[in-house]
Amino acid sequence: MPVLSQFPHGDRVLLADIDETDALKLASFLELNGYTVRRATEVTEALTHFSDFSPGVVVIDSSLPAKSWLSLIKAIRSYESEKDADYRSIILVTAGRFTQDLQQKALKAGAHEVIGRPVDGEALLRRIAAHIGLY
């Protein structure tokens, strides 16, 4: 069961990943653990889902083209500011090639954390719970 605390929509997860197989596996795992998941394979679709679905957690894979995944993070933060949201979604970036440069870019754009791939489902659940618990 997801940790919800006081965090609105903490049980909703948006996965933005170009690899549909990986995204489907992760989505299935999260759904089995009580989360409602929407998947997107490109930025426009992810932004549409973000505005319609209002996820508390967004997991973005850095395998999307660099400008795309960074622009997605920035667009989400801009959307939240425009809507004067009283909370900000948790943004986790997954990376097959974890580098300090990638981490710095992600955090500067507004992500909370960068997680290496392959994604360990149990570790991801702990990371989501830890971040949601902060709000």
Protein backbone atom coordinates (compact mmCIF):
# COMPACT_ATOMS: atom_id res chain seq x y z
CA MET A 1 0.00 0.00 0.00
CA PRO A 2 1.47 3.40 -0.91
CA VAL A 3 2.45 5.85 1.77
CA LEU A 4 0.13 8.82 1.31
CA SER A 5 0.68 10.98 4.38
CA GLN A 6 -0.58 14.51 3.74
CA PHE A 7 0.61 14.45 0.13
CA PRO A 8 -2.18 14.96 -2.43
CA HIS A 9 -2.29 12.40 -5.23
CA GLY A 10 0.67 10.51 -3.77
CA ASP A 11 -0.90 7.30 -5.02
CA ARG A 12 -0.72 8.44 -8.66
CA VAL A 13 2.43 7.86 -10.68
CA LEU A 14 3.24 9.07 -14.18
CA LEU A 15 5.96 7.09 -15.97
CA ALA A 16 7.65 8.78 -18.92
CA ASP A 17 9.83 6.19 -20.60
CA ILE A 18 10.61 5.55 -24.25
CA ASP A 19 11.08 1.82 -23.55
CA GLU A 20 7.55 0.45 -23.36
CA THR A 21 8.68 -2.94 -22.05
CA ASP A 22 10.53 -1.45 -19.07
CA ALA A 23 7.69 0.99 -18.42
CA LEU A 24 5.09 -1.77 -18.49
CA LYS A 25 7.08 -3.89 -16.02
CA LEU A 26 7.54 -0.96 -13.66
CA ALA A 27 3.91 0.15 -14.02
CA SER A 28 2.69 -3.37 -13.23
CA PHE A 29 4.92 -3.53 -10.15
CA LEU A 30 3.70 -0.15 -8.89
CA GLU A 31 0.06 -1.07 -9.54
CA LEU A 32 0.51 -4.30 -7.56
CA ASN A 33 1.73 -2.10 -4.71
CA GLY A 34 -1.35 0.13 -4.70
CA TYR A 35 -0.39 2.93 -7.08
CA THR A 36 -2.43 4.14 -10.04
CA VAL A 37 -0.09 4.53 -13.02
CA ARG A 38 -0.22 6.28 -16.38
CA ARG A 39 2.51 5.79 -18.96
CA ALA A 40 3.84 8.08 -21.67
CA THR A 41 6.50 7.48 -24.29
CA GLU A 42 7.12 11.10 -25.26
CA VAL A 43 7.01 14.58 -23.77
CA THR A 44 3.74 15.87 -25.25
CA GLU A 45 1.88 12.78 -24.07
CA ALA A 46 3.49 13.04 -20.62
CA LEU A 47 2.45 16.68 -20.26
CA THR A 48 -1.12 15.83 -21.25
CA HIS A 49 -1.21 13.05 -18.67
CA PHE A 50 0.33 15.34 -16.07
CA SER A 51 -2.34 18.01 -16.48
CA ASP A 52 -5.23 15.51 -16.69
CA PHE A 53 -4.05 12.98 -14.10
CA SER A 54 -2.34 15.23 -11.49
CA PRO A 55 0.19 12.65 -10.35
CA GLY A 56 1.97 13.04 -7.06
CA VAL A 57 5.00 11.23 -8.45
CA VAL A 58 6.60 11.47 -11.89
CA VAL A 59 9.28 9.00 -12.97
CA ILE A 60 11.13 10.16 -16.07
CA ASP A 61 13.70 8.06 -17.87
CA SER A 62 16.73 9.91 -19.13
CA SER A 63 16.72 7.73 -22.25
CA LEU A 64 14.26 10.26 -23.66
CA PRO A 65 16.36 12.72 -25.68
CA ALA A 66 18.24 15.05 -23.30
CA LYS A 67 16.38 18.19 -24.24
CA SER A 68 13.09 16.31 -23.97
CA TRP A 69 13.43 14.93 -20.45
CA LEU A 70 14.89 18.17 -19.14
CA SER A 71 12.17 20.20 -20.85
CA LEU A 72 9.56 17.86 -19.36
CA ILE A 73 10.82 18.52 -15.84
CA LYS A 74 10.87 22.27 -16.47
CA ALA A 75 7.40 22.21 -18.07
CA ILE A 76 5.97 20.34 -15.07
CA ARG A 77 7.47 22.86 -12.65
CA SER A 78 6.18 25.75 -14.78
CA TYR A 79 2.70 24.22 -14.92
CA GLU A 80 2.66 23.82 -11.14
CA SER A 81 3.71 27.44 -10.69
CA GLU A 82 1.04 28.68 -13.10
CA LYS A 83 -1.62 26.69 -11.27
CA ASP A 84 -0.25 28.00 -7.96
CA ALA A 85 -0.15 24.43 -6.71
CA ASP A 86 0.11 24.07 -2.97
CA TYR A 87 2.35 21.06 -3.53
CA ARG A 88 4.95 20.05 -6.05
CA SER A 89 5.04 16.59 -7.54
CA ILE A 90 7.97 14.36 -6.72
CA ILE A 91 10.13 13.91 -9.80
CA LEU A 92 12.51 10.97 -9.99
CA VAL A 93 14.77 10.49 -13.01
CA THR A 94 16.02 7.03 -13.94
CA ALA A 95 19.35 6.76 -15.70
CA GLY A 96 21.15 3.88 -17.36
CA ARG A 97 24.31 5.93 -17.42
CA PHE A 98 24.39 7.73 -14.11
CA THR A 99 26.81 10.66 -14.22
CA GLN A 100 27.36 13.68 -12.02
CA ASP A 101 26.54 15.90 -15.00
CA LEU A 102 23.21 14.16 -15.56
CA GLN A 103 22.40 14.40 -11.86
CA GLN A 104 23.25 18.10 -11.72
CA LYS A 105 21.14 18.87 -14.79
CA ALA A 106 18.17 16.91 -13.42
CA LEU A 107 18.31 18.53 -9.99
CA LYS A 108 18.78 22.01 -11.46
CA ALA A 109 15.73 21.48 -13.70
CA GLY A 110 13.62 20.56 -10.65
CA ALA A 111 13.96 16.80 -10.11
CA HIS A 112 14.22 15.47 -6.59
CA GLU A 113 16.50 12.54 -7.30
CA VAL A 114 18.27 10.49 -9.97
CA ILE A 115 18.06 6.71 -9.66
CA GLY A 116 20.21 4.24 -11.58
CA ARG A 117 18.87 1.62 -13.95
CA PRO A 118 17.83 -1.08 -13.91
CA VAL A 119 15.30 0.16 -11.41
CA ASP A 120 15.00 -1.93 -8.27
CA GLY A 121 11.24 -1.91 -7.60
CA GLU A 122 11.52 -2.25 -3.82
CA ALA A 123 14.12 0.52 -3.67
CA LEU A 124 11.87 2.72 -5.81
CA LEU A 125 8.96 2.16 -3.41
CA ARG A 126 11.20 3.22 -0.53
CA ARG A 127 12.38 6.33 -2.42
CA ILE A 128 8.80 7.35 -3.26
CA ALA A 129 7.68 6.78 0.34
CA ALA A 130 10.63 8.77 1.67
CA HIS A 131 9.90 11.73 -0.58
CA ILE A 132 6.16 11.71 0.01
CA GLY A 133 6.82 11.58 3.74
CA LEU A 134 8.67 14.91 3.44
CA TYR A 135 5.50 16.78 2.53
